[in-house]
Amino acid sequence: MLLYASLVLKALTIPLFARIAWLDFTTQKISNRSVLLLLCLGLGSLQLVSVQSGSWFQMALSALSGLFLLIVLFPFWVLRKVGAGDVKLMTVMPFLIGQDGLVIFTVFLLVFAVLTTLLVKNPFILPAGAFRLYVQHMDRKGVVPFGVPISAAAVCAMIFQIYVALVVATSSGIWEHLN
């Protein structure tokens, strides 16, 4: 039952990530409220998994990973290479994804970051004229909405985790006990 509740908390983050991506794309801002809500959902999901497994190691490791990301990304914010919202969003990722999903998240993040940069630097690839003008405006300002690839990578990584958890639950007989 705890696994099911943890998966529900992960699924609840998906619409929030969509909102964060849209607002970052249109306004280049990621609100503290959204990041805190993601942190709470991630902590809740991790706590449920920790109670089920009887070990708090994952939660401690996620906290250390979040602190590490904050320390590593903070100088990039000071140098104005990334926004503060992007740093805060990346800092909560270990709580949302967990240690077992960080590698898949990183692969998805690399793919989506390259695609986002490619679209911003080459807006002629896009079909709509107004959209192309907007992306050209972002390119002139030197702004890349990095919250969009972070959100897309997080959603893909969580969908992958949910899928794997459900496959394991159904193949091991846990799912029948939940119903």
Protein backbone atom coordinates (compact mmCIF):
# COMPACT_ATOMS: atom_id res chain seq x y z
CA MET A 1 0.00 0.00 0.00
CA LEU A 2 2.90 2.36 0.73
CA LEU A 3 4.33 1.74 -2.74
CA TYR A 4 0.99 2.67 -4.30
CA ALA A 5 0.80 5.89 -2.23
CA SER A 6 4.38 6.76 -3.21
CA LEU A 7 3.52 6.31 -6.90
CA VAL A 8 0.46 8.54 -6.51
CA LEU A 9 2.64 11.30 -5.02
CA LYS A 10 5.04 10.96 -7.95
CA ALA A 11 2.15 11.12 -10.41
CA LEU A 12 0.87 14.31 -8.75
CA THR A 13 4.10 16.07 -9.65
CA ILE A 14 3.57 15.63 -13.39
CA PRO A 15 0.96 18.43 -13.82
CA LEU A 16 3.06 20.65 -11.57
CA PHE A 17 6.08 20.08 -13.79
CA ALA A 18 3.96 20.97 -16.83
CA ARG A 19 2.98 24.25 -15.14
CA ILE A 20 6.59 24.99 -14.18
CA ALA A 21 7.78 24.33 -17.74
CA TRP A 22 5.11 26.56 -19.26
CA LEU A 23 5.72 29.44 -16.84
CA ASP A 24 9.48 29.19 -17.27
CA PHE A 25 9.06 29.18 -21.03
CA THR A 26 6.74 32.21 -21.06
CA THR A 27 8.10 34.30 -18.16
CA GLN A 28 11.57 32.85 -17.44
CA LYS A 29 10.56 32.47 -13.77
CA ILE A 30 10.13 29.43 -11.52
CA SER A 31 8.19 30.22 -8.38
CA ASN A 32 9.41 29.24 -4.93
CA ARG A 33 5.93 27.92 -4.14
CA SER A 34 6.12 25.40 -6.97
CA VAL A 35 9.59 24.26 -5.95
CA LEU A 36 8.50 23.89 -2.32
CA LEU A 37 5.45 21.89 -3.36
CA LEU A 38 7.69 19.60 -5.42
CA LEU A 39 10.01 19.23 -2.43
CA CYS A 40 7.12 18.27 -0.16
CA LEU A 41 5.76 15.72 -2.64
CA GLY A 42 9.24 14.28 -3.12
CA LEU A 43 9.89 14.07 0.61
CA GLY A 44 6.52 12.40 1.14
CA SER A 45 7.22 9.84 -1.56
CA LEU A 46 10.71 9.15 -0.21
CA GLN A 47 9.38 8.83 3.32
CA LEU A 48 6.82 6.23 2.23
CA VAL A 49 9.51 4.23 0.45
CA SER A 50 11.79 4.54 3.49
CA VAL A 51 9.06 3.29 5.84
CA GLN A 52 8.33 0.37 3.52
CA SER A 53 12.00 -0.62 3.20
CA GLY A 54 12.84 0.10 6.84
CA SER A 55 15.89 2.13 5.83
CA TRP A 56 16.33 5.90 5.79
CA PHE A 57 19.49 5.66 3.70
CA GLN A 58 17.73 6.77 0.48
CA MET A 59 16.40 9.90 2.15
CA ALA A 60 19.80 10.79 3.60
CA LEU A 61 21.47 10.16 0.27
CA SER A 62 18.89 12.35 -1.48
CA ALA A 63 19.51 15.17 1.00
CA LEU A 64 23.26 14.94 0.41
CA SER A 65 22.74 14.89 -3.36
CA GLY A 66 20.48 17.95 -3.16
CA LEU A 67 23.06 19.80 -1.07
CA PHE A 68 25.79 18.79 -3.52
CA LEU A 69 23.76 20.11 -6.46
CA LEU A 70 23.13 23.38 -4.64
CA ILE A 71 26.84 23.83 -3.90
CA VAL A 72 27.86 22.97 -7.47
CA LEU A 73 25.19 25.09 -9.21
CA PHE A 74 25.35 28.14 -6.92
CA PRO A 75 28.48 29.61 -8.59
CA PHE A 76 26.76 29.32 -11.99
CA TRP A 77 23.88 31.39 -10.60
CA VAL A 78 26.34 33.95 -9.21
CA LEU A 79 27.94 34.19 -12.65
CA ARG A 80 24.45 34.57 -14.19
CA LYS A 81 24.82 31.44 -16.31
CA VAL A 82 21.62 29.86 -14.88
CA GLY A 83 18.68 31.32 -13.04
CA ALA A 84 17.98 30.92 -9.34
CA GLY A 85 14.79 28.99 -10.13
CA ASP A 86 16.74 26.51 -12.22
CA VAL A 87 19.19 25.97 -9.35
CA LYS A 88 16.36 25.44 -6.85
CA LEU A 89 14.56 23.10 -9.23
CA MET A 90 17.68 21.00 -9.77
CA THR A 91 18.29 20.92 -6.02
CA VAL A 92 14.95 19.19 -5.34
CA MET A 93 15.39 16.60 -8.10
CA PRO A 94 17.09 13.98 -5.89
CA PHE A 95 14.09 14.10 -3.54
CA LEU A 96 11.65 13.59 -6.40
CA ILE A 97 13.55 11.09 -8.48
CA GLY A 98 15.45 9.25 -5.75
CA GLN A 99 18.91 7.84 -6.13
CA ASP A 100 17.82 4.97 -8.35
CA GLY A 101 16.40 7.34 -10.98
CA LEU A 102 19.10 10.00 -11.15
CA VAL A 103 21.01 8.32 -13.97
CA ILE A 104 17.93 8.04 -16.21
CA PHE A 105 17.00 11.63 -15.26
CA THR A 106 20.48 12.82 -16.26
CA VAL A 107 20.24 11.10 -19.65
CA PHE A 108 16.81 12.62 -20.31
CA LEU A 109 18.06 16.02 -19.11
CA LEU A 110 20.99 15.91 -21.51
CA VAL A 111 18.72 15.06 -24.45
CA PHE A 112 16.12 17.74 -23.60
CA ALA A 113 18.75 20.41 -22.86
CA VAL A 114 20.42 19.83 -26.22
CA LEU A 115 17.03 19.97 -27.99
CA THR A 116 16.06 23.16 -26.16
CA THR A 117 19.35 24.85 -26.97
CA LEU A 118 19.10 23.69 -30.57
CA LEU A 119 15.61 25.19 -30.90
CA VAL A 120 16.62 28.46 -29.26
CA LYS A 121 19.75 28.82 -31.40
CA ASN A 122 18.03 27.66 -34.63
CA PRO A 123 14.44 28.95 -34.54
CA PHE A 124 14.04 28.44 -38.29
CA ILE A 125 13.44 24.74 -37.54
CA LEU A 126 10.10 25.61 -35.93
CA PRO A 127 6.95 25.81 -38.08
CA ALA A 128 5.01 28.73 -36.58
CA GLY A 129 6.16 32.24 -37.37
CA ALA A 130 5.10 33.81 -34.07
CA PHE A 131 6.73 31.03 -32.11
CA ARG A 132 9.87 31.51 -34.15
CA LEU A 133 9.89 35.25 -33.37
CA TYR A 134 9.47 34.53 -29.67
CA VAL A 135 12.39 32.11 -29.67
CA GLN A 136 14.50 34.62 -31.60
CA HIS A 137 13.66 37.19 -28.92
CA MET A 138 14.87 34.75 -26.24
CA ASP A 139 18.06 34.17 -28.25
CA ARG A 140 18.71 37.94 -28.49
CA LYS A 141 18.25 38.28 -24.74
CA GLY A 142 20.55 35.31 -24.19
CA VAL A 143 17.90 33.46 -22.19
CA VAL A 144 17.31 29.73 -22.33
CA PRO A 145 14.38 28.52 -20.21
CA PHE A 146 16.25 25.64 -18.59
CA GLY A 147 13.22 24.77 -16.43
CA VAL A 148 11.61 23.28 -19.54
CA PRO A 149 14.20 20.52 -20.10
CA ILE A 150 14.51 19.93 -16.35
CA SER A 151 10.75 19.44 -16.09
CA ALA A 152 10.57 17.26 -19.20
CA ALA A 153 13.43 15.07 -17.98
CA ALA A 154 11.87 14.76 -14.52
CA VAL A 155 8.49 13.75 -15.98
CA CYS A 156 10.08 11.15 -18.26
CA ALA A 157 12.21 9.75 -15.43
CA MET A 158 9.20 9.54 -13.09
CA ILE A 159 7.02 7.90 -15.73
CA PHE A 160 9.79 5.38 -16.25
CA GLN A 161 10.03 4.78 -12.48
CA ILE A 162 6.26 4.40 -12.15
CA TYR A 163 6.21 1.94 -15.06
CA VAL A 164 9.05 -0.13 -13.60
CA ALA A 165 7.44 -0.14 -10.13
CA LEU A 166 4.12 -1.29 -11.56
CA VAL A 167 5.77 -4.01 -13.66
CA VAL A 168 7.67 -5.27 -10.61
CA ALA A 169 4.53 -5.08 -8.45
CA THR A 170 2.42 -7.03 -10.94
CA SER A 171 5.07 -9.66 -11.64
CA SER A 172 5.87 -10.27 -7.97
CA GLY A 173 2.26 -10.60 -6.84
CA ILE A 174 2.28 -7.41 -4.75
CA TRP A 175 -0.40 -5.86 -6.94
CA GLU A 176 -2.92 -8.58 -6.07
CA HIS A 177 -2.42 -7.81 -2.35
CA LEU A 178 -3.16 -4.13 -2.99
CA ASN A 179 -6.51 -4.86 -4.66
